[in-house]
Amino acid sequence: MTLFLMAAGLTLVFGVMGVINLAHGSLYMVGAFACAAGIQMGAGFFVSLLFAVGVAALTGAVIEIVVVRQLYQRDHLDQVLATFALILMANELMRWLFGSFPLSLDVPVLLQGTVALPFGVTYSVFRLFIIAMSVVVAAALFVLIARTRLGVRIRAGQSDREMVAALGVNIRRLYTVVFAIGAGLAGLAGALIGSLQSVQVGMGEPVLIIAFVVIIIGGIGSIFGSLVAALLVGTLDVMGKFLLPIVFEVFMPVGQAASMGSALASVAIYVLMAAVLLFKPQGLFGKPA
């Protein structure tokens, strides 16, 4: 579900604005560090979560106005180079502000512990909270896109931005809002995951790569496709890392089996992407060009 939050923001920006934003992973990192900063200032986890979303969205809006707005008519290579430069700048800025050592976020007392699920399974309360939070955000995003005036403009801008501008919509403001929404989603994902993993410089780049895989599998511009693809990729990765080492233990020592199984599980994600592109080049739910 956190993969979906990352991919949804990325597909909004890429599908609507046509911009390849490599700095999306940096916004994920900004959200994690903003949440950590809020907690260190004594704001509490839930307030810090809102603070992280706001900081990431504001950062995204500034990036769109100052940098991305100059790239709409430029080649995709220019967009890649400019947003890659933003990654380097964001990493050094976070290192300057917070240092090079990873930060840890404590899970709030209310969300600590486990809960009993059917079939004798126990599961982390905080992970259930992350899933529930992501489901709520996904539902809100679907309502925003399908049922609101802003959603109509976003979908229209995705189809024909020139016509939308000709009909009187302030396309620059619309793009800033879309970019800020995507950045806020990335910041929320980073803040949620920051409590499960360490918050550190460069933490967004590996997630960004998987998010690109998700939107390619789901179909560029499709929010529902991003949701389905995120669930597929997440399930394939985790089940592969669990099952493949068991298979390899028949042929090799336990340590080597675990390493080999984990590596092949990561490769399986890209095999899935290649298979989807082979049979449906536009993705599972993307529209044919």
C-alpha atoms as a PDB file:
ATOM      1  CA  MET A   1       0.000   0.000   0.000  1.00  0.00           C
ATOM      2  CA  THR A   2       2.877   2.385   0.610  1.00  0.00           C
ATOM      3  CA  LEU A   3       4.175   1.428  -2.829  1.00  0.00           C
ATOM      4  CA  PHE A   4       0.777   2.501  -4.145  1.00  0.00           C
ATOM      5  CA  LEU A   5       1.101   5.901  -2.445  1.00  0.00           C
ATOM      6  CA  MET A   6       4.461   6.405  -4.155  1.00  0.00           C
ATOM      7  CA  ALA A   7       3.275   5.136  -7.529  1.00  0.00           C
ATOM      8  CA  ALA A   8      -0.016   7.082  -7.437  1.00  0.00           C
ATOM      9  CA  GLY A   9       1.801  10.368  -6.965  1.00  0.00           C
ATOM     10  CA  LEU A  10       4.294   9.462  -9.675  1.00  0.00           C
ATOM     11  CA  THR A  11       1.637   8.437 -12.185  1.00  0.00           C
ATOM     12  CA  LEU A  12      -0.311  11.644 -11.517  1.00  0.00           C
ATOM     13  CA  VAL A  13       2.732  13.726 -12.392  1.00  0.00           C
ATOM     14  CA  PHE A  14       3.855  11.559 -15.307  1.00  0.00           C
ATOM     15  CA  GLY A  15       0.400  10.790 -16.697  1.00  0.00           C
ATOM     16  CA  VAL A  16      -1.071  14.285 -16.402  1.00  0.00           C
ATOM     17  CA  MET A  17       1.974  16.501 -16.857  1.00  0.00           C
ATOM     18  CA  GLY A  18       4.171  14.265 -19.012  1.00  0.00           C
ATOM     19  CA  VAL A  19       7.187  14.944 -16.790  1.00  0.00           C
ATOM     20  CA  ILE A  20       9.671  12.250 -15.798  1.00  0.00           C
ATOM     21  CA  ASN A  21      10.325  13.242 -12.194  1.00  0.00           C
ATOM     22  CA  LEU A  22      13.300  11.343 -10.785  1.00  0.00           C
ATOM     23  CA  ALA A  23      13.150  13.577  -7.704  1.00  0.00           C
ATOM     24  CA  HIS A  24       9.928  11.883  -6.554  1.00  0.00           C
ATOM     25  CA  GLY A  25      12.012   9.594  -4.346  1.00  0.00           C
ATOM     26  CA  SER A  26      13.581  12.660  -2.730  1.00  0.00           C
ATOM     27  CA  LEU A  27      10.101  13.859  -1.737  1.00  0.00           C
ATOM     28  CA  TYR A  28       9.611  10.458  -0.084  1.00  0.00           C
ATOM     29  CA  MET A  29      12.823  11.103   1.853  1.00  0.00           C
ATOM     30  CA  VAL A  30      11.742  14.659   2.738  1.00  0.00           C
ATOM     31  CA  GLY A  31       8.498  13.294   4.222  1.00  0.00           C
ATOM     32  CA  ALA A  32      10.406  10.799   6.368  1.00  0.00           C
ATOM     33  CA  PHE A  33      12.836  13.427   7.675  1.00  0.00           C
ATOM     34  CA  ALA A  34      10.022  15.936   8.272  1.00  0.00           C
ATOM     35  CA  CYS A  35       8.153  13.350  10.355  1.00  0.00           C
ATOM     36  CA  ALA A  36      11.342  12.631  12.312  1.00  0.00           C
ATOM     37  CA  ALA A  37      11.902  16.343  12.895  1.00  0.00           C
ATOM     38  CA  GLY A  38       8.325  16.802  14.122  1.00  0.00           C
ATOM     39  CA  ILE A  39       8.681  13.952  16.597  1.00  0.00           C
ATOM     40  CA  GLN A  40      12.030  15.305  17.836  1.00  0.00           C
ATOM     41  CA  MET A  41      10.336  18.669  18.478  1.00  0.00           C
ATOM     42  CA  GLY A  42       7.737  16.896  20.609  1.00  0.00           C
ATOM     43  CA  ALA A  43       4.797  17.265  18.231  1.00  0.00           C
ATOM     44  CA  GLY A  44       3.673  13.636  18.530  1.00  0.00           C
ATOM     45  CA  PHE A  45       3.440  11.022  15.791  1.00  0.00           C
ATOM     46  CA  PHE A  46       0.071  11.930  14.266  1.00  0.00           C
ATOM     47  CA  VAL A  47       0.780  15.666  14.135  1.00  0.00           C
ATOM     48  CA  SER A  48       4.218  14.898  12.691  1.00  0.00           C
ATOM     49  CA  LEU A  49       2.559  12.744  10.033  1.00  0.00           C
ATOM     50  CA  LEU A  50       0.425  15.688   8.908  1.00  0.00           C
ATOM     51  CA  PHE A  51       3.479  17.934   9.094  1.00  0.00           C
ATOM     52  CA  ALA A  52       5.411  15.543   6.842  1.00  0.00           C
ATOM     53  CA  VAL A  53       2.654  15.558   4.207  1.00  0.00           C
ATOM     54  CA  GLY A  54       2.496  19.367   4.298  1.00  0.00           C
ATOM     55  CA  VAL A  55       6.268  19.815   4.020  1.00  0.00           C
ATOM     56  CA  ALA A  56       6.505  17.339   1.127  1.00  0.00           C
ATOM     57  CA  ALA A  57       3.569  18.962  -0.705  1.00  0.00           C
ATOM     58  CA  LEU A  58       5.024  22.450  -0.219  1.00  0.00           C
ATOM     59  CA  THR A  59       8.444  21.250  -1.371  1.00  0.00           C
ATOM     60  CA  GLY A  60       6.826  19.696  -4.441  1.00  0.00           C
ATOM     61  CA  ALA A  61       5.003  22.929  -5.262  1.00  0.00           C
ATOM     62  CA  VAL A  62       8.243  24.912  -5.018  1.00  0.00           C
ATOM     63  CA  ILE A  63      10.064  22.393  -7.225  1.00  0.00           C
ATOM     64  CA  GLU A  64       7.292  22.579  -9.829  1.00  0.00           C
ATOM     65  CA  ILE A  65       7.295  26.384  -9.909  1.00  0.00           C
ATOM     66  CA  VAL A  66      11.072  26.877  -9.880  1.00  0.00           C
ATOM     67  CA  VAL A  67      12.350  23.895 -11.901  1.00  0.00           C
ATOM     68  CA  VAL A  68       9.751  21.635 -13.515  1.00  0.00           C
ATOM     69  CA  ARG A  69       7.725  24.492 -15.023  1.00  0.00           C
ATOM     70  CA  GLN A  70      10.696  25.305 -17.237  1.00  0.00           C
ATOM     71  CA  LEU A  71      10.817  21.742 -18.601  1.00  0.00           C
ATOM     72  CA  TYR A  72       7.337  21.096 -20.027  1.00  0.00           C
ATOM     73  CA  GLN A  73       8.376  21.888 -23.590  1.00  0.00           C
ATOM     74  CA  ARG A  74      11.803  20.304 -23.231  1.00  0.00           C
ATOM     75  CA  ASP A  75      12.971  16.838 -24.145  1.00  0.00           C
ATOM     76  CA  HIS A  76      12.568  14.006 -21.622  1.00  0.00           C
ATOM     77  CA  LEU A  77      16.355  13.809 -21.340  1.00  0.00           C
ATOM     78  CA  ASP A  78      16.405  17.393 -20.021  1.00  0.00           C
ATOM     79  CA  GLN A  79      13.741  16.441 -17.463  1.00  0.00           C
ATOM     80  CA  VAL A  80      15.779  13.425 -16.363  1.00  0.00           C
ATOM     81  CA  LEU A  81      18.981  15.486 -15.981  1.00  0.00           C
ATOM     82  CA  ALA A  82      17.279  18.329 -14.103  1.00  0.00           C
ATOM     83  CA  THR A  83      15.375  16.088 -11.680  1.00  0.00           C
ATOM     84  CA  PHE A  84      18.455  13.915 -11.144  1.00  0.00           C
ATOM     85  CA  ALA A  85      20.280  17.086 -10.107  1.00  0.00           C
ATOM     86  CA  LEU A  86      17.469  17.673  -7.599  1.00  0.00           C
ATOM     87  CA  ILE A  87      18.160  14.229  -6.096  1.00  0.00           C
ATOM     88  CA  LEU A  88      21.796  15.164  -5.465  1.00  0.00           C
ATOM     89  CA  MET A  89      20.821  18.531  -4.005  1.00  0.00           C
ATOM     90  CA  ALA A  90      18.139  17.021  -1.743  1.00  0.00           C
ATOM     91  CA  ASN A  91      20.509  14.335  -0.449  1.00  0.00           C
ATOM     92  CA  GLU A  92      23.189  16.870   0.442  1.00  0.00           C
ATOM     93  CA  LEU A  93      20.626  19.205   2.032  1.00  0.00           C
ATOM     94  CA  MET A  94      19.264  16.413   4.255  1.00  0.00           C
ATOM     95  CA  ARG A  95      22.832  15.391   5.150  1.00  0.00           C
ATOM     96  CA  TRP A  96      23.614  18.995   6.100  1.00  0.00           C
ATOM     97  CA  LEU A  97      20.444  19.375   8.192  1.00  0.00           C
ATOM     98  CA  PHE A  98      20.308  15.964   9.901  1.00  0.00           C
ATOM     99  CA  GLY A  99      23.757  14.441   9.482  1.00  0.00           C
ATOM    100  CA  SER A 100      24.813  11.210   7.804  1.00  0.00           C
ATOM    101  CA  PHE A 101      23.661   8.819  10.524  1.00  0.00           C
ATOM    102  CA  PRO A 102      20.246   7.118  10.180  1.00  0.00           C
ATOM    103  CA  LEU A 103      17.427   8.301  12.427  1.00  0.00           C
ATOM    104  CA  SER A 104      14.929   5.989  14.085  1.00  0.00           C
ATOM    105  CA  LEU A 105      11.270   6.815  14.705  1.00  0.00           C
ATOM    106  CA  ASP A 106       9.466   5.242  17.626  1.00  0.00           C
ATOM    107  CA  VAL A 107       6.055   3.774  16.953  1.00  0.00           C
ATOM    108  CA  PRO A 108       3.454   5.502  19.185  1.00  0.00           C
ATOM    109  CA  VAL A 109       2.316   3.505  22.207  1.00  0.00           C
ATOM    110  CA  LEU A 110      -1.229   3.377  20.843  1.00  0.00           C
ATOM    111  CA  LEU A 111      -0.019   1.453  17.765  1.00  0.00           C
ATOM    112  CA  GLN A 112       2.487  -0.880  19.409  1.00  0.00           C
ATOM    113  CA  GLY A 113       2.001  -4.606  19.840  1.00  0.00           C
ATOM    114  CA  THR A 114       0.204  -7.193  17.740  1.00  0.00           C
ATOM    115  CA  VAL A 115      -3.369  -8.225  17.074  1.00  0.00           C
ATOM    116  CA  ALA A 116      -4.811 -11.686  16.502  1.00  0.00           C
ATOM    117  CA  LEU A 117      -6.127 -12.369  12.999  1.00  0.00           C
ATOM    118  CA  PRO A 118      -8.028 -15.415  11.663  1.00  0.00           C
ATOM    119  CA  PHE A 119      -6.215 -18.753  11.229  1.00  0.00           C
ATOM    120  CA  GLY A 120      -3.997 -18.127  14.250  1.00  0.00           C
ATOM    121  CA  VAL A 121      -2.031 -15.292  12.643  1.00  0.00           C
ATOM    122  CA  THR A 122      -0.691 -12.396  14.697  1.00  0.00           C
ATOM    123  CA  TYR A 123       0.079  -9.142  12.940  1.00  0.00           C
ATOM    124  CA  SER A 124       1.609  -5.803  13.890  1.00  0.00           C
ATOM    125  CA  VAL A 125      -0.920  -3.152  14.896  1.00  0.00           C
ATOM    126  CA  PHE A 126       1.238  -0.445  13.310  1.00  0.00           C
ATOM    127  CA  ARG A 127       1.391  -2.290   9.983  1.00  0.00           C
ATOM    128  CA  LEU A 128      -2.395  -2.636  10.057  1.00  0.00           C
ATOM    129  CA  PHE A 129      -2.574   1.113  10.704  1.00  0.00           C
ATOM    130  CA  ILE A 130      -0.370   1.735   7.649  1.00  0.00           C
ATOM    131  CA  ILE A 131      -2.626  -0.461   5.502  1.00  0.00           C
ATOM    132  CA  ALA A 132      -5.774   1.243   6.821  1.00  0.00           C
ATOM    133  CA  MET A 133      -4.288   4.721   6.326  1.00  0.00           C
ATOM    134  CA  SER A 134      -3.268   3.852   2.773  1.00  0.00           C
ATOM    135  CA  VAL A 135      -6.728   2.455   1.984  1.00  0.00           C
ATOM    136  CA  VAL A 136      -8.356   5.671   3.240  1.00  0.00           C
ATOM    137  CA  VAL A 137      -5.985   7.811   1.175  1.00  0.00           C
ATOM    138  CA  ALA A 138      -6.566   5.607  -1.895  1.00  0.00           C
ATOM    139  CA  ALA A 139     -10.358   5.966  -1.507  1.00  0.00           C
ATOM    140  CA  ALA A 140     -10.014   9.743  -1.098  1.00  0.00           C
ATOM    141  CA  LEU A 141      -7.803   9.896  -4.194  1.00  0.00           C
ATOM    142  CA  PHE A 142     -10.317   7.927  -6.277  1.00  0.00           C
ATOM    143  CA  VAL A 143     -13.113  10.271  -5.122  1.00  0.00           C
ATOM    144  CA  LEU A 144     -10.954  13.303  -5.904  1.00  0.00           C
ATOM    145  CA  ILE A 145     -10.189  12.104  -9.428  1.00  0.00           C
ATOM    146  CA  ALA A 146     -13.667  10.780 -10.292  1.00  0.00           C
ATOM    147  CA  ARG A 147     -16.114  13.027  -8.399  1.00  0.00           C
ATOM    148  CA  THR A 148     -14.707  16.525  -8.007  1.00  0.00           C
ATOM    149  CA  ARG A 149     -14.232  19.518 -10.294  1.00  0.00           C
ATOM    150  CA  LEU A 150     -10.490  19.355  -9.698  1.00  0.00           C
ATOM    151  CA  GLY A 151     -10.547  15.694 -10.725  1.00  0.00           C
ATOM    152  CA  VAL A 152     -12.379  16.562 -13.929  1.00  0.00           C
ATOM    153  CA  ARG A 153      -9.710  19.126 -14.743  1.00  0.00           C
ATOM    154  CA  ILE A 154      -6.924  16.665 -13.942  1.00  0.00           C
ATOM    155  CA  ARG A 155      -8.437  14.014 -16.222  1.00  0.00           C
ATOM    156  CA  ALA A 156      -9.072  16.582 -18.938  1.00  0.00           C
ATOM    157  CA  GLY A 157      -5.511  17.858 -18.656  1.00  0.00           C
ATOM    158  CA  GLN A 158      -4.289  14.295 -19.060  1.00  0.00           C
ATOM    159  CA  SER A 159      -6.268  13.952 -22.306  1.00  0.00           C
ATOM    160  CA  ASP A 160      -5.778  17.373 -23.929  1.00  0.00           C
ATOM    161  CA  ARG A 161      -3.947  20.076 -22.005  1.00  0.00           C
ATOM    162  CA  GLU A 162      -4.187  22.608 -24.870  1.00  0.00           C
ATOM    163  CA  MET A 163      -7.986  22.373 -24.945  1.00  0.00           C
ATOM    164  CA  VAL A 164      -8.204  22.671 -21.153  1.00  0.00           C
ATOM    165  CA  ALA A 165      -6.122  25.846 -21.283  1.00  0.00           C
ATOM    166  CA  ALA A 166      -8.267  27.187 -24.148  1.00  0.00           C
ATOM    167  CA  LEU A 167     -11.405  26.645 -22.040  1.00  0.00           C
ATOM    168  CA  GLY A 168     -10.091  29.028 -19.402  1.00  0.00           C
ATOM    169  CA  VAL A 169      -8.491  26.683 -16.865  1.00  0.00           C
ATOM    170  CA  ASN A 170      -5.303  28.055 -15.330  1.00  0.00           C
ATOM    171  CA  ILE A 171      -3.121  25.176 -16.470  1.00  0.00           C
ATOM    172  CA  ARG A 172      -0.066  26.402 -14.548  1.00  0.00           C
ATOM    173  CA  ARG A 173      -1.969  26.434 -11.268  1.00  0.00           C
ATOM    174  CA  LEU A 174      -3.488  23.036 -12.065  1.00  0.00           C
ATOM    175  CA  TYR A 175      -0.048  21.532 -12.669  1.00  0.00           C
ATOM    176  CA  THR A 176       1.266  22.993  -9.414  1.00  0.00           C
ATOM    177  CA  VAL A 177      -1.647  21.447  -7.503  1.00  0.00           C
ATOM    178  CA  VAL A 178      -1.156  18.059  -9.196  1.00  0.00           C
ATOM    179  CA  PHE A 179       2.567  18.105  -8.442  1.00  0.00           C
ATOM    180  CA  ALA A 180       1.896  19.064  -4.810  1.00  0.00           C
ATOM    181  CA  ILE A 181      -0.631  16.234  -4.424  1.00  0.00           C
ATOM    182  CA  GLY A 182       1.853  13.731  -5.831  1.00  0.00           C
ATOM    183  CA  ALA A 183       4.580  15.080  -3.556  1.00  0.00           C
ATOM    184  CA  GLY A 184       2.289  14.876  -0.523  1.00  0.00           C
ATOM    185  CA  LEU A 185       1.523  11.227  -1.272  1.00  0.00           C
ATOM    186  CA  ALA A 186       5.227  10.462  -1.530  1.00  0.00           C
ATOM    187  CA  GLY A 187       5.879  12.303   1.737  1.00  0.00           C
ATOM    188  CA  LEU A 188       3.120  10.330   3.477  1.00  0.00           C
ATOM    189  CA  ALA A 189       4.627   7.047   2.266  1.00  0.00           C
ATOM    190  CA  GLY A 190       8.064   8.067   3.526  1.00  0.00           C
ATOM    191  CA  ALA A 191       6.729   9.135   6.914  1.00  0.00           C
ATOM    192  CA  LEU A 192       4.839   5.859   7.371  1.00  0.00           C
ATOM    193  CA  ILE A 193       7.756   3.658   6.341  1.00  0.00           C
ATOM    194  CA  GLY A 194      10.204   5.723   8.400  1.00  0.00           C
ATOM    195  CA  SER A 195       8.829   4.119  11.562  1.00  0.00           C
ATOM    196  CA  LEU A 196       9.513   0.613  10.212  1.00  0.00           C
ATOM    197  CA  GLN A 197      12.914   1.306   8.712  1.00  0.00           C
ATOM    198  CA  SER A 198      15.625   3.814   9.514  1.00  0.00           C
ATOM    199  CA  VAL A 199      15.316   7.316   8.079  1.00  0.00           C
ATOM    200  CA  GLN A 200      18.465   8.056   6.111  1.00  0.00           C
ATOM    201  CA  VAL A 201      19.822  10.038   3.197  1.00  0.00           C
ATOM    202  CA  GLY A 202      19.132   8.386  -0.156  1.00  0.00           C
ATOM    203  CA  MET A 203      16.321   6.173   1.146  1.00  0.00           C
ATOM    204  CA  GLY A 204      13.981   7.254  -1.653  1.00  0.00           C
ATOM    205  CA  GLU A 205      15.943   6.071  -4.696  1.00  0.00           C
ATOM    206  CA  PRO A 206      15.344   2.277  -4.334  1.00  0.00           C
ATOM    207  CA  VAL A 207      11.631   2.906  -3.717  1.00  0.00           C
ATOM    208  CA  LEU A 208      11.474   5.201  -6.754  1.00  0.00           C
ATOM    209  CA  ILE A 209      12.763   2.424  -9.011  1.00  0.00           C
ATOM    210  CA  ILE A 210      10.062   0.028  -7.788  1.00  0.00           C
ATOM    211  CA  ALA A 211       7.445   2.796  -8.131  1.00  0.00           C
ATOM    212  CA  PHE A 212       8.393   3.191 -11.804  1.00  0.00           C
ATOM    213  CA  VAL A 213       7.993  -0.573 -12.226  1.00  0.00           C
ATOM    214  CA  VAL A 214       4.555  -0.336 -10.606  1.00  0.00           C
ATOM    215  CA  ILE A 215       3.258   2.398 -12.923  1.00  0.00           C
ATOM    216  CA  ILE A 216       4.638   0.594 -15.988  1.00  0.00           C
ATOM    217  CA  ILE A 217       2.865  -2.628 -14.981  1.00  0.00           C
ATOM    218  CA  GLY A 218      -0.361  -0.872 -14.003  1.00  0.00           C
ATOM    219  CA  GLY A 219      -0.404   1.518 -16.949  1.00  0.00           C
ATOM    220  CA  ILE A 220       0.831   5.107 -17.034  1.00  0.00           C
ATOM    221  CA  GLY A 221      -1.894   7.497 -15.888  1.00  0.00           C
ATOM    222  CA  SER A 222      -4.077   4.824 -14.278  1.00  0.00           C
ATOM    223  CA  ILE A 223      -4.545   5.233 -10.512  1.00  0.00           C
ATOM    224  CA  PHE A 224      -6.423   1.932 -10.278  1.00  0.00           C
ATOM    225  CA  GLY A 225      -3.657   0.262 -12.296  1.00  0.00           C
ATOM    226  CA  SER A 226      -1.102   1.579  -9.808  1.00  0.00           C
ATOM    227  CA  LEU A 227      -3.094   0.038  -6.947  1.00  0.00           C
ATOM    228  CA  VAL A 228      -3.348  -3.389  -8.597  1.00  0.00           C
ATOM    229  CA  ALA A 229       0.288  -3.360  -9.720  1.00  0.00           C
ATOM    230  CA  ALA A 230       1.528  -2.279  -6.268  1.00  0.00           C
ATOM    231  CA  LEU A 231      -0.314  -5.198  -4.669  1.00  0.00           C
ATOM    232  CA  LEU A 232       1.090  -7.587  -7.294  1.00  0.00           C
ATOM    233  CA  VAL A 233       4.651  -6.359  -6.941  1.00  0.00           C
ATOM    234  CA  GLY A 234       4.551  -6.279  -3.134  1.00  0.00           C
ATOM    235  CA  THR A 235       3.080  -9.763  -2.900  1.00  0.00           C
ATOM    236  CA  LEU A 236       5.489 -11.206  -5.467  1.00  0.00           C
ATOM    237  CA  ASP A 237       8.509  -9.700  -3.718  1.00  0.00           C
ATOM    238  CA  VAL A 238       7.582 -10.845  -0.199  1.00  0.00           C
ATOM    239  CA  MET A 239       6.342 -14.306  -1.191  1.00  0.00           C
ATOM    240  CA  GLY A 240       9.403 -14.819  -3.372  1.00  0.00           C
ATOM    241  CA  LYS A 241      11.769 -13.925  -0.525  1.00  0.00           C
ATOM    242  CA  PHE A 242       9.863 -16.347   1.722  1.00  0.00           C
ATOM    243  CA  LEU A 243       9.398 -19.311  -0.634  1.00  0.00           C
ATOM    244  CA  LEU A 244      12.475 -19.309  -2.882  1.00  0.00           C
ATOM    245  CA  PRO A 245      15.016 -19.813  -0.046  1.00  0.00           C
ATOM    246  CA  ILE A 246      13.003 -22.866   1.049  1.00  0.00           C
ATOM    247  CA  VAL A 247      13.284 -24.292  -2.471  1.00  0.00           C
ATOM    248  CA  PHE A 248      17.028 -23.584  -2.721  1.00  0.00           C
ATOM    249  CA  GLU A 249      17.750 -25.167   0.659  1.00  0.00           C
ATOM    250  CA  VAL A 250      17.317 -28.526  -1.089  1.00  0.00           C
ATOM    251  CA  PHE A 251      20.387 -27.846  -3.266  1.00  0.00           C
ATOM    252  CA  MET A 252      22.676 -25.581  -1.207  1.00  0.00           C
ATOM    253  CA  PRO A 253      23.533 -24.446   2.347  1.00  0.00           C
ATOM    254  CA  VAL A 254      20.980 -22.349   4.223  1.00  0.00           C
ATOM    255  CA  GLY A 255      22.953 -19.091   4.027  1.00  0.00           C
ATOM    256  CA  GLN A 256      23.503 -19.330   0.285  1.00  0.00           C
ATOM    257  CA  ALA A 257      19.876 -20.377  -0.256  1.00  0.00           C
ATOM    258  CA  ALA A 258      18.602 -17.306   1.586  1.00  0.00           C
ATOM    259  CA  SER A 259      20.878 -14.983  -0.415  1.00  0.00           C
ATOM    260  CA  MET A 260      20.014 -16.618  -3.749  1.00  0.00           C
ATOM    261  CA  GLY A 261      16.277 -16.663  -3.005  1.00  0.00           C
ATOM    262  CA  SER A 262      16.218 -13.003  -1.986  1.00  0.00           C
ATOM    263  CA  ALA A 263      18.117 -11.960  -5.129  1.00  0.00           C
ATOM    264  CA  LEU A 264      15.841 -13.933  -7.457  1.00  0.00           C
ATOM    265  CA  ALA A 265      12.736 -12.561  -5.722  1.00  0.00           C
ATOM    266  CA  SER A 266      13.958  -9.051  -6.563  1.00  0.00           C
ATOM    267  CA  VAL A 267      14.597 -10.110 -10.163  1.00  0.00           C
ATOM    268  CA  ALA A 268      11.078 -11.581 -10.383  1.00  0.00           C
ATOM    269  CA  ILE A 269       9.599  -8.075 -10.169  1.00  0.00           C
ATOM    270  CA  TYR A 270      11.360  -7.072 -13.388  1.00  0.00           C
ATOM    271  CA  VAL A 271      10.460 -10.383 -15.048  1.00  0.00           C
ATOM    272  CA  LEU A 272       6.823  -9.567 -14.287  1.00  0.00           C
ATOM    273  CA  MET A 273       7.248  -6.110 -15.810  1.00  0.00           C
ATOM    274  CA  ALA A 274       8.843  -7.569 -18.938  1.00  0.00           C
ATOM    275  CA  ALA A 275       6.029 -10.122 -19.304  1.00  0.00           C
ATOM    276  CA  VAL A 276       3.361  -7.426 -18.993  1.00  0.00           C
ATOM    277  CA  LEU A 277       5.112  -5.201 -21.544  1.00  0.00           C
ATOM    278  CA  LEU A 278       5.438  -8.150 -23.924  1.00  0.00           C
ATOM    279  CA  PHE A 279       1.693  -8.829 -24.013  1.00  0.00           C
ATOM    280  CA  LYS A 280       0.281  -5.396 -23.048  1.00  0.00           C
ATOM    281  CA  PRO A 281       2.784  -2.642 -23.886  1.00  0.00           C
ATOM    282  CA  GLN A 282       0.472  -0.001 -22.404  1.00  0.00           C
ATOM    283  CA  GLY A 283       0.288  -1.820 -19.039  1.00  0.00           C
ATOM    284  CA  LEU A 284      -2.566  -3.733 -17.443  1.00  0.00           C
ATOM    285  CA  PHE A 285      -4.936  -0.753 -17.277  1.00  0.00           C
ATOM    286  CA  GLY A 286      -3.237   1.807 -19.491  1.00  0.00           C
ATOM    287  CA  LYS A 287      -4.879   3.177 -22.611  1.00  0.00           C
ATOM    288  CA  PRO A 288      -3.351   2.273 -25.979  1.00  0.00           C
ATOM    289  CA  ALA A 289      -1.455   5.158 -27.567  1.00  0.00           C
END
